[in-house]
Amino acid sequence: MCPTQSIFFLEIIYVILTSVMKASLALTLLQWSKKRFHTFILWTAIVIDGVICTFVVLFFLLQCQPISYAWELIDPTKKGKCLPAVDQIYVGIALSGTTISVRISRDFFKIAMLTLPITSLT
């Protein structure tokens, strides 16, 4: 396996694992959720992050035809075609925006939890 091929697959693994980590944190916060609104925010964050994660992984896998051209791009003897590089920027912005929104929703939930009396958590 060439180094560029490893990087290609590590990008995909990174996206999947960060999405699983964010979902895990949100599911942990769901255990303490007492209000429907908080539950709705956390489930919405999980679903949106899952959809974006799926889209990003599919984009990474399907951006070049054949797929191997993604890591053989610098070899002039290989033939293939990739989507424009600007599309990767747009996908990165979408992924970053999702990460930020999930983070904000988690922080909002933590602040909301601090406003609850201690007796309501037991």
PDB file of N, CA and C in Angstrom:
ATOM      1  N   MET A   1       0.854  -1.170   0.000  1.00  0.00           N
ATOM      2  CA  MET A   1       0.000   0.000   0.000  1.00  0.00           C
ATOM      3  C   MET A   1       0.901   1.234   0.000  1.00  0.00           C
ATOM      4  N   CYS A   2       0.679   2.117  -0.950  1.00  0.00           N
ATOM      5  CA  CYS A   2       1.495   3.330  -1.044  1.00  0.00           C
ATOM      6  C   CYS A   2       1.038   4.360  -0.003  1.00  0.00           C
ATOM      7  N   PRO A   3       1.928   5.292   0.361  1.00  0.00           N
ATOM      8  CA  PRO A   3       1.585   6.278   1.400  1.00  0.00           C
ATOM      9  C   PRO A   3       0.353   7.123   1.049  1.00  0.00           C
ATOM     10  N   THR A   4       0.205   7.499  -0.202  1.00  0.00           N
ATOM     11  CA  THR A   4      -0.960   8.321  -0.564  1.00  0.00           C
ATOM     12  C   THR A   4      -2.255   7.518  -0.455  1.00  0.00           C
ATOM     13  N   GLN A   5      -2.188   6.232  -0.701  1.00  0.00           N
ATOM     14  CA  GLN A   5      -3.364   5.378  -0.534  1.00  0.00           C
ATOM     15  C   GLN A   5      -3.736   5.288   0.948  1.00  0.00           C
ATOM     16  N   SER A   6      -2.736   5.195   1.809  1.00  0.00           N
ATOM     17  CA  SER A   6      -2.988   5.152   3.248  1.00  0.00           C
ATOM     18  C   SER A   6      -3.652   6.439   3.711  1.00  0.00           C
ATOM     19  N   ILE A   7      -3.165   7.573   3.241  1.00  0.00           N
ATOM     20  CA  ILE A   7      -3.740   8.860   3.618  1.00  0.00           C
ATOM     21  C   ILE A   7      -5.184   8.946   3.152  1.00  0.00           C
ATOM     22  N   PHE A   8      -5.468   8.466   1.947  1.00  0.00           N
ATOM     23  CA  PHE A   8      -6.829   8.484   1.410  1.00  0.00           C
ATOM     24  C   PHE A   8      -7.785   7.739   2.338  1.00  0.00           C
ATOM     25  N   PHE A   9      -7.405   6.536   2.749  1.00  0.00           N
ATOM     26  CA  PHE A   9      -8.278   5.744   3.610  1.00  0.00           C
ATOM     27  C   PHE A   9      -8.305   6.280   5.044  1.00  0.00           C
ATOM     28  N   LEU A  10      -7.210   6.879   5.494  1.00  0.00           N
ATOM     29  CA  LEU A  10      -7.206   7.475   6.832  1.00  0.00           C
ATOM     30  C   LEU A  10      -8.140   8.681   6.902  1.00  0.00           C
ATOM     31  N   GLU A  11      -8.276   9.425   5.808  1.00  0.00           N
ATOM     32  CA  GLU A  11      -9.236  10.532   5.776  1.00  0.00           C
ATOM     33  C   GLU A  11     -10.653  10.013   6.006  1.00  0.00           C
ATOM     34  N   ILE A  12     -10.982   8.921   5.363  1.00  0.00           N
ATOM     35  CA  ILE A  12     -12.317   8.332   5.498  1.00  0.00           C
ATOM     36  C   ILE A  12     -12.528   7.815   6.915  1.00  0.00           C
ATOM     37  N   ILE A  13     -11.527   7.138   7.452  1.00  0.00           N
ATOM     38  CA  ILE A  13     -11.629   6.616   8.820  1.00  0.00           C
ATOM     39  C   ILE A  13     -11.780   7.765   9.807  1.00  0.00           C
ATOM     40  N   TYR A  14     -11.047   8.859   9.586  1.00  0.00           N
ATOM     41  CA  TYR A  14     -11.135  10.024  10.464  1.00  0.00           C
ATOM     42  C   TYR A  14     -12.555  10.590  10.486  1.00  0.00           C
ATOM     43  N   VAL A  15     -13.155  10.749   9.324  1.00  0.00           N
ATOM     44  CA  VAL A  15     -14.509  11.306   9.245  1.00  0.00           C
ATOM     45  C   VAL A  15     -15.498  10.398   9.975  1.00  0.00           C
ATOM     46  N   ILE A  16     -15.386   9.105   9.762  1.00  0.00           N
ATOM     47  CA  ILE A  16     -16.308   8.162  10.407  1.00  0.00           C
ATOM     48  C   ILE A  16     -16.126   8.171  11.922  1.00  0.00           C
ATOM     49  N   LEU A  17     -14.885   8.118  12.385  1.00  0.00           N
ATOM     50  CA  LEU A  17     -14.643   8.060  13.829  1.00  0.00           C
ATOM     51  C   LEU A  17     -15.028   9.349  14.545  1.00  0.00           C
ATOM     52  N   THR A  18     -14.802  10.496  13.923  1.00  0.00           N
ATOM     53  CA  THR A  18     -15.221  11.734  14.570  1.00  0.00           C
ATOM     54  C   THR A  18     -16.739  11.821  14.630  1.00  0.00           C
ATOM     55  N   SER A  19     -17.421  11.314  13.625  1.00  0.00           N
ATOM     56  CA  SER A  19     -18.880  11.308  13.645  1.00  0.00           C
ATOM     57  C   SER A  19     -19.401  10.380  14.737  1.00  0.00           C
ATOM     58  N   VAL A  20     -18.783   9.224  14.886  1.00  0.00           N
ATOM     59  CA  VAL A  20     -19.176   8.286  15.941  1.00  0.00           C
ATOM     60  C   VAL A  20     -18.909   8.899  17.316  1.00  0.00           C
ATOM     61  N   MET A  21     -17.788   9.610  17.459  1.00  0.00           N
ATOM     62  CA  MET A  21     -17.463  10.245  18.731  1.00  0.00           C
ATOM     63  C   MET A  21     -18.498  11.318  19.084  1.00  0.00           C
ATOM     64  N   LYS A  22     -18.877  12.146  18.101  1.00  0.00           N
ATOM     65  CA  LYS A  22     -19.876  13.185  18.360  1.00  0.00           C
ATOM     66  C   LYS A  22     -21.226  12.565  18.719  1.00  0.00           C
ATOM     67  N   ALA A  23     -21.586  11.497  18.046  1.00  0.00           N
ATOM     68  CA  ALA A  23     -22.846  10.824  18.364  1.00  0.00           C
ATOM     69  C   ALA A  23     -22.791  10.217  19.759  1.00  0.00           C
ATOM     70  N   SER A  24     -21.650   9.675  20.138  1.00  0.00           N
ATOM     71  CA  SER A  24     -21.493   9.093  21.460  1.00  0.00           C
ATOM     72  C   SER A  24     -21.657  10.149  22.554  1.00  0.00           C
ATOM     73  N   LEU A  25     -21.062  11.309  22.340  1.00  0.00           N
ATOM     74  CA  LEU A  25     -21.215  12.393  23.317  1.00  0.00           C
ATOM     75  C   LEU A  25     -22.666  12.853  23.413  1.00  0.00           C
ATOM     76  N   ALA A  26     -23.323  12.967  22.269  1.00  0.00           N
ATOM     77  CA  ALA A  26     -24.722  13.396  22.273  1.00  0.00           C
ATOM     78  C   ALA A  26     -25.609  12.346  22.943  1.00  0.00           C
ATOM     79  N   LEU A  27     -25.342  11.071  22.701  1.00  0.00           N
ATOM     80  CA  LEU A  27     -26.122  10.019  23.351  1.00  0.00           C
ATOM     81  C   LEU A  27     -25.903  10.003  24.865  1.00  0.00           C
ATOM     82  N   THR A  28     -24.702  10.320  25.286  1.00  0.00           N
ATOM     83  CA  THR A  28     -24.437  10.424  26.714  1.00  0.00           C
ATOM     84  C   THR A  28     -25.254  11.561  27.324  1.00  0.00           C
ATOM     85  N   LEU A  29     -25.288  12.695  26.639  1.00  0.00           N
ATOM     86  CA  LEU A  29     -26.079  13.824  27.133  1.00  0.00           C
ATOM     87  C   LEU A  29     -27.575  13.518  27.108  1.00  0.00           C
ATOM     88  N   LEU A  30     -28.003  12.670  26.185  1.00  0.00           N
ATOM     89  CA  LEU A  30     -29.426  12.301  26.129  1.00  0.00           C
ATOM     90  C   LEU A  30     -29.884  11.591  27.401  1.00  0.00           C
ATOM     91  N   GLN A  31     -28.984  10.911  28.062  1.00  0.00           N
ATOM     92  CA  GLN A  31     -29.348  10.205  29.293  1.00  0.00           C
ATOM     93  C   GLN A  31     -29.820  11.173  30.376  1.00  0.00           C
ATOM     94  N   TRP A  32     -29.299  12.394  30.356  1.00  0.00           N
ATOM     95  CA  TRP A  32     -29.651  13.381  31.376  1.00  0.00           C
ATOM     96  C   TRP A  32     -30.686  14.384  30.880  1.00  0.00           C
ATOM     97  N   SER A  33     -31.121  14.216  29.662  1.00  0.00           N
ATOM     98  CA  SER A  33     -32.084  15.158  29.097  1.00  0.00           C
ATOM     99  C   SER A  33     -33.443  14.987  29.760  1.00  0.00           C
ATOM    100  N   LYS A  34     -33.981  16.082  30.269  1.00  0.00           N
ATOM    101  CA  LYS A  34     -35.285  16.046  30.932  1.00  0.00           C
ATOM    102  C   LYS A  34     -36.365  16.737  30.099  1.00  0.00           C
ATOM    103  N   LYS A  35     -35.966  17.624  29.213  1.00  0.00           N
ATOM    104  CA  LYS A  35     -36.932  18.386  28.425  1.00  0.00           C
ATOM    105  C   LYS A  35     -36.952  17.876  26.992  1.00  0.00           C
ATOM    106  N   ARG A  36     -38.157  17.898  26.399  1.00  0.00           N
ATOM    107  CA  ARG A  36     -38.309  17.438  25.011  1.00  0.00           C
ATOM    108  C   ARG A  36     -37.452  18.262  24.050  1.00  0.00           C
ATOM    109  N   PHE A  37     -37.355  19.559  24.312  1.00  0.00           N
ATOM    110  CA  PHE A  37     -36.579  20.433  23.438  1.00  0.00           C
ATOM    111  C   PHE A  37     -35.111  20.026  23.412  1.00  0.00           C
ATOM    112  N   HIS A  38     -34.551  19.687  24.575  1.00  0.00           N
ATOM    113  CA  HIS A  38     -33.156  19.248  24.639  1.00  0.00           C
ATOM    114  C   HIS A  38     -32.968  17.932  23.883  1.00  0.00           C
ATOM    115  N   THR A  39     -33.901  17.024  24.074  1.00  0.00           N
ATOM    116  CA  THR A  39     -33.844  15.742  23.371  1.00  0.00           C
ATOM    117  C   THR A  39     -33.914  15.954  21.863  1.00  0.00           C
ATOM    118  N   PHE A  40     -34.803  16.846  21.442  1.00  0.00           N
ATOM    119  CA  PHE A  40     -34.940  17.151  20.014  1.00  0.00           C
ATOM    120  C   PHE A  40     -33.644  17.713  19.441  1.00  0.00           C
ATOM    121  N   ILE A  41     -33.017  18.640  20.166  1.00  0.00           N
ATOM    122  CA  ILE A  41     -31.766  19.238  19.687  1.00  0.00           C
ATOM    123  C   ILE A  41     -30.680  18.176  19.540  1.00  0.00           C
ATOM    124  N   LEU A  42     -30.552  17.318  20.528  1.00  0.00           N
ATOM    125  CA  LEU A  42     -29.501  16.298  20.474  1.00  0.00           C
ATOM    126  C   LEU A  42     -29.746  15.279  19.374  1.00  0.00           C
ATOM    127  N   TRP A  43     -30.991  14.815  19.214  1.00  0.00           N
ATOM    128  CA  TRP A  43     -31.285  13.865  18.136  1.00  0.00           C
ATOM    129  C   TRP A  43     -31.102  14.507  16.768  1.00  0.00           C
ATOM    130  N   THR A  44     -31.473  15.771  16.654  1.00  0.00           N
ATOM    131  CA  THR A  44     -31.273  16.482  15.389  1.00  0.00           C
ATOM    132  C   THR A  44     -29.787  16.569  15.060  1.00  0.00           C
ATOM    133  N   ALA A  45     -28.977  16.878  16.059  1.00  0.00           N
ATOM    134  CA  ALA A  45     -27.529  16.958  15.847  1.00  0.00           C
ATOM    135  C   ALA A  45     -26.959  15.610  15.414  1.00  0.00           C
ATOM    136  N   ILE A  46     -27.426  14.539  16.037  1.00  0.00           N
ATOM    137  CA  ILE A  46     -26.947  13.196  15.674  1.00  0.00           C
ATOM    138  C   ILE A  46     -27.320  12.865  14.229  1.00  0.00           C
ATOM    139  N   VAL A  47     -28.561  13.137  13.855  1.00  0.00           N
ATOM    140  CA  VAL A  47     -29.028  12.801  12.497  1.00  0.00           C
ATOM    141  C   VAL A  47     -28.294  13.638  11.452  1.00  0.00           C
ATOM    142  N   ILE A  48     -28.182  14.950  11.685  1.00  0.00           N
ATOM    143  CA  ILE A  48     -27.509  15.814  10.710  1.00  0.00           C
ATOM    144  C   ILE A  48     -26.057  15.404  10.557  1.00  0.00           C
ATOM    145  N   ASP A  49     -25.392  15.123  11.657  1.00  0.00           N
ATOM    146  CA  ASP A  49     -23.999  14.709  11.583  1.00  0.00           C
ATOM    147  C   ASP A  49     -23.856  13.375  10.848  1.00  0.00           C
ATOM    148  N   GLY A  50     -24.778  12.451  11.083  1.00  0.00           N
ATOM    149  CA  GLY A  50     -24.742  11.167  10.374  1.00  0.00           C
ATOM    150  C   GLY A  50     -24.941  11.327   8.877  1.00  0.00           C
ATOM    151  N   VAL A  51     -25.849  12.200   8.492  1.00  0.00           N
ATOM    152  CA  VAL A  51     -26.100  12.439   7.062  1.00  0.00           C
ATOM    153  C   VAL A  51     -24.871  13.072   6.407  1.00  0.00           C
ATOM    154  N   ILE A  52     -24.309  14.088   7.057  1.00  0.00           N
ATOM    155  CA  ILE A  52     -23.126  14.746   6.494  1.00  0.00           C
ATOM    156  C   ILE A  52     -21.953  13.773   6.433  1.00  0.00           C
ATOM    157  N   CYS A  53     -21.780  12.957   7.464  1.00  0.00           N
ATOM    158  CA  CYS A  53     -20.698  11.962   7.468  1.00  0.00           C
ATOM    159  C   CYS A  53     -20.849  10.997   6.291  1.00  0.00           C
ATOM    160  N   THR A  54     -22.064  10.514   6.084  1.00  0.00           N
ATOM    161  CA  THR A  54     -22.316   9.601   4.964  1.00  0.00           C
ATOM    162  C   THR A  54     -22.005  10.278   3.632  1.00  0.00           C
ATOM    163  N   PHE A  55     -22.454  11.523   3.499  1.00  0.00           N
ATOM    164  CA  PHE A  55     -22.199  12.268   2.257  1.00  0.00           C
ATOM    165  C   PHE A  55     -20.701  12.453   2.030  1.00  0.00           C
ATOM    166  N   VAL A  56     -19.958  12.821   3.077  1.00  0.00           N
ATOM    167  CA  VAL A  56     -18.523  13.067   2.931  1.00  0.00           C
ATOM    168  C   VAL A  56     -17.785  11.782   2.561  1.00  0.00           C
ATOM    169  N   VAL A  57     -18.133  10.684   3.204  1.00  0.00           N
ATOM    170  CA  VAL A  57     -17.475   9.409   2.884  1.00  0.00           C
ATOM    171  C   VAL A  57     -17.770   9.009   1.435  1.00  0.00           C
ATOM    172  N   LEU A  58     -19.027   9.138   1.034  1.00  0.00           N
ATOM    173  CA  LEU A  58     -19.365   8.826  -0.368  1.00  0.00           C
ATOM    174  C   LEU A  58     -18.645   9.751  -1.334  1.00  0.00           C
ATOM    175  N   PHE A  59     -18.544  11.025  -0.972  1.00  0.00           N
ATOM    176  CA  PHE A  59     -17.827  11.971  -1.832  1.00  0.00           C
ATOM    177  C   PHE A  59     -16.372  11.554  -1.973  1.00  0.00           C
ATOM    178  N   PHE A  60     -15.712  11.230  -0.842  1.00  0.00           N
ATOM    179  CA  PHE A  60     -14.317  10.809  -0.913  1.00  0.00           C
ATOM    180  C   PHE A  60     -14.143   9.572  -1.781  1.00  0.00           C
ATOM    181  N   LEU A  61     -15.083   8.632  -1.663  1.00  0.00           N
ATOM    182  CA  LEU A  61     -14.968   7.391  -2.425  1.00  0.00           C
ATOM    183  C   LEU A  61     -15.281   7.574  -3.905  1.00  0.00           C
ATOM    184  N   LEU A  62     -16.171   8.502  -4.232  1.00  0.00           N
ATOM    185  CA  LEU A  62     -16.637   8.639  -5.614  1.00  0.00           C
ATOM    186  C   LEU A  62     -16.107   9.873  -6.332  1.00  0.00           C
ATOM    187  N   GLN A  63     -15.210  10.629  -5.716  1.00  0.00           N
ATOM    188  CA  GLN A  63     -14.733  11.856  -6.336  1.00  0.00           C
ATOM    189  C   GLN A  63     -13.856  11.595  -7.560  1.00  0.00           C
ATOM    190  N   CYS A  64     -13.220  10.443  -7.623  1.00  0.00           N
ATOM    191  CA  CYS A  64     -12.360  10.109  -8.762  1.00  0.00           C
ATOM    192  C   CYS A  64     -12.824   8.804  -9.401  1.00  0.00           C
ATOM    193  N   GLN A  65     -12.716   8.748 -10.694  1.00  0.00           N
ATOM    194  CA  GLN A  65     -13.039   7.537 -11.445  1.00  0.00           C
ATOM    195  C   GLN A  65     -11.806   7.119 -12.225  1.00  0.00           C
ATOM    196  N   PRO A  66     -11.240   5.985 -11.982  1.00  0.00           N
ATOM    197  CA  PRO A  66     -11.532   5.012 -10.935  1.00  0.00           C
ATOM    198  C   PRO A  66     -11.106   5.544  -9.563  1.00  0.00           C
ATOM    199  N   ILE A  67     -11.532   4.887  -8.510  1.00  0.00           N
ATOM    200  CA  ILE A  67     -11.230   5.332  -7.146  1.00  0.00           C
ATOM    201  C   ILE A  67      -9.723   5.398  -6.916  1.00  0.00           C
ATOM    202  N   SER A  68      -8.989   4.475  -7.493  1.00  0.00           N
ATOM    203  CA  SER A  68      -7.533   4.428  -7.294  1.00  0.00           C
ATOM    204  C   SER A  68      -6.841   5.672  -7.853  1.00  0.00           C
ATOM    205  N   TYR A  69      -7.507   6.388  -8.732  1.00  0.00           N
ATOM    206  CA  TYR A  69      -6.900   7.595  -9.301  1.00  0.00           C
ATOM    207  C   TYR A  69      -6.728   8.678  -8.234  1.00  0.00           C
ATOM    208  N   ALA A  70      -7.481   8.608  -7.147  1.00  0.00           N
ATOM    209  CA  ALA A  70      -7.369   9.592  -6.070  1.00  0.00           C
ATOM    210  C   ALA A  70      -5.963   9.582  -5.461  1.00  0.00           C
ATOM    211  N   TRP A  71      -5.337   8.428  -5.349  1.00  0.00           N
ATOM    212  CA  TRP A  71      -3.977   8.372  -4.809  1.00  0.00           C
ATOM    213  C   TRP A  71      -2.926   8.197  -5.900  1.00  0.00           C
ATOM    214  N   GLU A  72      -3.352   8.017  -7.140  1.00  0.00           N
ATOM    215  CA  GLU A  72      -2.405   7.920  -8.251  1.00  0.00           C
ATOM    216  C   GLU A  72      -2.421   9.188  -9.093  1.00  0.00           C
ATOM    217  N   LEU A  73      -3.011  10.234  -8.583  1.00  0.00           N
ATOM    218  CA  LEU A  73      -3.205  11.487  -9.307  1.00  0.00           C
ATOM    219  C   LEU A  73      -1.893  12.098  -9.775  1.00  0.00           C
ATOM    220  N   ILE A  74      -0.844  11.949  -8.986  1.00  0.00           N
ATOM    221  CA  ILE A  74       0.432  12.578  -9.341  1.00  0.00           C
ATOM    222  C   ILE A  74       1.244  11.768 -10.361  1.00  0.00           C
ATOM    223  N   ASP A  75       0.787  10.568 -10.656  1.00  0.00           N
ATOM    224  CA  ASP A  75       1.484   9.726 -11.629  1.00  0.00           C
ATOM    225  C   ASP A  75       0.945  10.041 -13.030  1.00  0.00           C
ATOM    226  N   PRO A  76       1.771  10.633 -13.898  1.00  0.00           N
ATOM    227  CA  PRO A  76       1.275  11.028 -15.230  1.00  0.00           C
ATOM    228  C   PRO A  76       0.921   9.850 -16.143  1.00  0.00           C
ATOM    229  N   THR A  77       1.376   8.640 -15.787  1.00  0.00           N
ATOM    230  CA  THR A  77       1.065   7.478 -16.628  1.00  0.00           C
ATOM    231  C   THR A  77      -0.328   6.921 -16.345  1.00  0.00           C
ATOM    232  N   LYS A  78      -0.928   7.307 -15.246  1.00  0.00           N
ATOM    233  CA  LYS A  78      -2.257   6.801 -14.876  1.00  0.00           C
ATOM    234  C   LYS A  78      -3.334   7.665 -15.506  1.00  0.00           C
ATOM    235  N   LYS A  79      -4.407   7.026 -15.859  1.00  0.00           N
ATOM    236  CA  LYS A  79      -5.534   7.730 -16.481  1.00  0.00           C
ATOM    237  C   LYS A  79      -6.732   7.701 -15.546  1.00  0.00           C
ATOM    238  N   GLY A  80      -7.425   8.803 -15.486  1.00  0.00           N
ATOM    239  CA  GLY A  80      -8.619   8.901 -14.663  1.00  0.00           C
ATOM    240  C   GLY A  80      -9.146  10.317 -14.664  1.00  0.00           C
ATOM    241  N   LYS A  81     -10.191  10.515 -13.927  1.00  0.00           N
ATOM    242  CA  LYS A  81     -10.816  11.836 -13.863  1.00  0.00           C
ATOM    243  C   LYS A  81     -11.344  12.054 -12.452  1.00  0.00           C
ATOM    244  N   CYS A  82     -11.144  13.271 -11.933  1.00  0.00           N
ATOM    245  CA  CYS A  82     -11.637  13.624 -10.601  1.00  0.00           C
ATOM    246  C   CYS A  82     -12.519  14.864 -10.699  1.00  0.00           C
ATOM    247  N   LEU A  83     -13.368  15.021  -9.685  1.00  0.00           N
ATOM    248  CA  LEU A  83     -14.180  16.231  -9.593  1.00  0.00           C
ATOM    249  C   LEU A  83     -13.258  17.420  -9.325  1.00  0.00           C
ATOM    250  N   PRO A  84     -13.714  18.624  -9.631  1.00  0.00           N
ATOM    251  CA  PRO A  84     -12.865  19.799  -9.383  1.00  0.00           C
ATOM    252  C   PRO A  84     -12.476  19.924  -7.904  1.00  0.00           C
ATOM    253  N   ALA A  85     -11.293  20.476  -7.665  1.00  0.00           N
ATOM    254  CA  ALA A  85     -10.782  20.613  -6.296  1.00  0.00           C
ATOM    255  C   ALA A  85     -11.665  21.528  -5.449  1.00  0.00           C
ATOM    256  N   VAL A  86     -12.357  22.461  -6.079  1.00  0.00           N
ATOM    257  CA  VAL A  86     -13.221  23.375  -5.323  1.00  0.00           C
ATOM    258  C   VAL A  86     -14.353  22.604  -4.637  1.00  0.00           C
ATOM    259  N   ASP A  87     -14.750  21.482  -5.192  1.00  0.00           N
ATOM    260  CA  ASP A  87     -15.789  20.658  -4.556  1.00  0.00           C
ATOM    261  C   ASP A  87     -15.304  20.108  -3.216  1.00  0.00           C
ATOM    262  N   GLN A  88     -14.019  19.784  -3.132  1.00  0.00           N
ATOM    263  CA  GLN A  88     -13.462  19.312  -1.863  1.00  0.00           C
ATOM    264  C   GLN A  88     -13.534  20.412  -0.811  1.00  0.00           C
ATOM    265  N   ILE A  89     -13.338  21.657  -1.233  1.00  0.00           N
ATOM    266  CA  ILE A  89     -13.435  22.781  -0.300  1.00  0.00           C
ATOM    267  C   ILE A  89     -14.863  22.908   0.215  1.00  0.00           C
ATOM    268  N   TYR A  90     -15.847  22.779  -0.674  1.00  0.00           N
ATOM    269  CA  TYR A  90     -17.248  22.877  -0.262  1.00  0.00           C
ATOM    270  C   TYR A  90     -17.625  21.749   0.705  1.00  0.00           C
ATOM    271  N   VAL A  91     -17.136  20.557   0.441  1.00  0.00           N
ATOM    272  CA  VAL A  91     -17.405  19.424   1.334  1.00  0.00           C
ATOM    273  C   VAL A  91     -16.740  19.657   2.683  1.00  0.00           C
ATOM    274  N   GLY A  92     -15.534  20.189   2.681  1.00  0.00           N
ATOM    275  CA  GLY A  92     -14.851  20.505   3.929  1.00  0.00           C
ATOM    276  C   GLY A  92     -15.587  21.564   4.731  1.00  0.00           C
ATOM    277  N   ILE A  93     -16.143  22.563   4.049  1.00  0.00           N
ATOM    278  CA  ILE A  93     -16.923  23.600   4.729  1.00  0.00           C
ATOM    279  C   ILE A  93     -18.188  22.996   5.336  1.00  0.00           C
ATOM    280  N   ALA A  94     -18.853  22.115   4.596  1.00  0.00           N
ATOM    281  CA  ALA A  94     -20.063  21.464   5.118  1.00  0.00           C
ATOM    282  C   ALA A  94     -19.739  20.621   6.352  1.00  0.00           C
ATOM    283  N   LEU A  95     -18.646  19.885   6.291  1.00  0.00           N
ATOM    284  CA  LEU A  95     -18.243  19.058   7.430  1.00  0.00           C
ATOM    285  C   LEU A  95     -17.876  19.925   8.634  1.00  0.00           C
ATOM    286  N   SER A  96     -17.157  21.006   8.388  1.00  0.00           N
ATOM    287  CA  SER A  96     -16.788  21.920   9.476  1.00  0.00           C
ATOM    288  C   SER A  96     -18.021  22.583  10.077  1.00  0.00           C
ATOM    289  N   GLY A  97     -18.936  23.004   9.228  1.00  0.00           N
ATOM    290  CA  GLY A  97     -20.166  23.623   9.720  1.00  0.00           C
ATOM    291  C   GLY A  97     -20.971  22.671  10.581  1.00  0.00           C
ATOM    292  N   THR A  98     -21.028  21.419  10.178  1.00  0.00           N
ATOM    293  CA  THR A  98     -21.735  20.417  10.973  1.00  0.00           C
ATOM    294  C   THR A  98     -21.052  20.203  12.316  1.00  0.00           C
ATOM    295  N   THR A  99     -19.735  20.119  12.300  1.00  0.00           N
ATOM    296  CA  THR A  99     -18.994  19.939  13.540  1.00  0.00           C
ATOM    297  C   THR A  99     -19.234  21.112  14.488  1.00  0.00           C
ATOM    298  N   ILE A 100     -19.224  22.317  13.953  1.00  0.00           N
ATOM    299  CA  ILE A 100     -19.460  23.504  14.779  1.00  0.00           C
ATOM    300  C   ILE A 100     -20.875  23.499  15.338  1.00  0.00           C
ATOM    301  N   SER A 101     -21.862  23.169  14.506  1.00  0.00           N
ATOM    302  CA  SER A 101     -23.250  23.189  14.986  1.00  0.00           C
ATOM    303  C   SER A 101     -23.499  22.109  16.036  1.00  0.00           C
ATOM    304  N   VAL A 102     -22.902  20.942  15.870  1.00  0.00           N
ATOM    305  CA  VAL A 102     -23.037  19.883  16.882  1.00  0.00           C
ATOM    306  C   VAL A 102     -22.373  20.335  18.179  1.00  0.00           C
ATOM    307  N   ARG A 103     -21.242  20.974  18.067  1.00  0.00           N
ATOM    308  CA  ARG A 103     -20.539  21.468  19.260  1.00  0.00           C
ATOM    309  C   ARG A 103     -21.381  22.522  19.979  1.00  0.00           C
ATOM    310  N   ILE A 104     -21.965  23.443  19.229  1.00  0.00           N
ATOM    311  CA  ILE A 104     -22.800  24.478  19.837  1.00  0.00           C
ATOM    312  C   ILE A 104     -24.007  23.853  20.524  1.00  0.00           C
ATOM    313  N   SER A 105     -24.634  22.866  19.890  1.00  0.00           N
ATOM    314  CA  SER A 105     -25.799  22.231  20.515  1.00  0.00           C
ATOM    315  C   SER A 105     -25.406  21.506  21.799  1.00  0.00           C
ATOM    316  N   ARG A 106     -24.242  20.857  21.812  1.00  0.00           N
ATOM    317  CA  ARG A 106     -23.778  20.206  23.038  1.00  0.00           C
ATOM    318  C   ARG A 106     -23.500  21.228  24.120  1.00  0.00           C
ATOM    319  N   ASP A 107     -22.848  22.331  23.750  1.00  0.00           N
ATOM    320  CA  ASP A 107     -22.555  23.369  24.738  1.00  0.00           C
ATOM    321  C   ASP A 107     -23.836  23.996  25.274  1.00  0.00           C
ATOM    322  N   PHE A 108     -24.800  24.214  24.389  1.00  0.00           N
ATOM    323  CA  PHE A 108     -26.093  24.746  24.822  1.00  0.00           C
ATOM    324  C   PHE A 108     -26.728  23.802  25.836  1.00  0.00           C
ATOM    325  N   PHE A 109     -26.655  22.527  25.545  1.00  0.00           N
ATOM    326  CA  PHE A 109     -27.256  21.539  26.447  1.00  0.00           C
ATOM    327  C   PHE A 109     -26.549  21.530  27.796  1.00  0.00           C
ATOM    328  N   LYS A 110     -25.224  21.642  27.787  1.00  0.00           N
ATOM    329  CA  LYS A 110     -24.488  21.662  29.053  1.00  0.00           C
ATOM    330  C   LYS A 110     -24.885  22.870  29.890  1.00  0.00           C
ATOM    331  N   ILE A 111     -25.010  24.028  29.248  1.00  0.00           N
ATOM    332  CA  ILE A 111     -25.423  25.239  29.963  1.00  0.00           C
ATOM    333  C   ILE A 111     -26.834  25.067  30.494  1.00  0.00           C
ATOM    334  N   ALA A 112     -27.714  24.499  29.694  1.00  0.00           N
ATOM    335  CA  ALA A 112     -29.090  24.272  30.145  1.00  0.00           C
ATOM    336  C   ALA A 112     -29.111  23.322  31.334  1.00  0.00           C
ATOM    337  N   MET A 113     -28.241  22.333  31.327  1.00  0.00           N
ATOM    338  CA  MET A 113     -28.173  21.398  32.446  1.00  0.00           C
ATOM    339  C   MET A 113     -27.693  22.086  33.719  1.00  0.00           C
ATOM    340  N   LEU A 114     -26.822  23.081  33.580  1.00  0.00           N
ATOM    341  CA  LEU A 114     -26.324  23.793  34.768  1.00  0.00           C
ATOM    342  C   LEU A 114     -27.420  24.635  35.418  1.00  0.00           C
ATOM    343  N   THR A 115     -28.421  25.010  34.650  1.00  0.00           N
ATOM    344  CA  THR A 115     -29.503  25.829  35.212  1.00  0.00           C
ATOM    345  C   THR A 115     -30.545  25.002  35.956  1.00  0.00           C
ATOM    346  N   LEU A 116     -30.503  23.679  35.814  1.00  0.00           N
ATOM    347  CA  LEU A 116     -31.463  22.824  36.508  1.00  0.00           C
ATOM    348  C   LEU A 116     -31.046  22.641  37.961  1.00  0.00           C
ATOM    349  N   PRO A 117     -31.993  22.570  38.837  1.00  0.00           N
ATOM    350  CA  PRO A 117     -31.652  22.271  40.230  1.00  0.00           C
ATOM    351  C   PRO A 117     -31.046  20.862  40.347  1.00  0.00           C
ATOM    352  N   ILE A 118     -30.174  20.700  41.299  1.00  0.00           N
ATOM    353  CA  ILE A 118     -29.503  19.403  41.485  1.00  0.00           C
ATOM    354  C   ILE A 118     -30.514  18.288  41.752  1.00  0.00           C
ATOM    355  N   THR A 119     -31.594  18.566  42.425  1.00  0.00           N
ATOM    356  CA  THR A 119     -32.563  17.535  42.764  1.00  0.00           C
ATOM    357  C   THR A 119     -33.287  16.982  41.538  1.00  0.00           C
ATOM    358  N   SER A 120     -33.334  17.766  40.450  1.00  0.00           N
ATOM    359  CA  SER A 120     -34.029  17.276  39.249  1.00  0.00           C
ATOM    360  C   SER A 120     -33.185  16.293  38.458  1.00  0.00           C
ATOM    361  N   LEU A 121     -31.900  16.185  38.773  1.00  0.00           N
ATOM    362  CA  LEU A 121     -31.022  15.271  38.034  1.00  0.00           C
ATOM    363  C   LEU A 121     -31.010  13.880  38.652  1.00  0.00           C
ATOM    364  N   THR A 122     -31.508  13.735  39.833  1.00  0.00           N
ATOM    365  CA  THR A 122     -31.457  12.420  40.497  1.00  0.00           C
ATOM    366  C   THR A 122     -32.735  11.665  40.327  1.00  0.00           C
TER     367      THR A 122
END
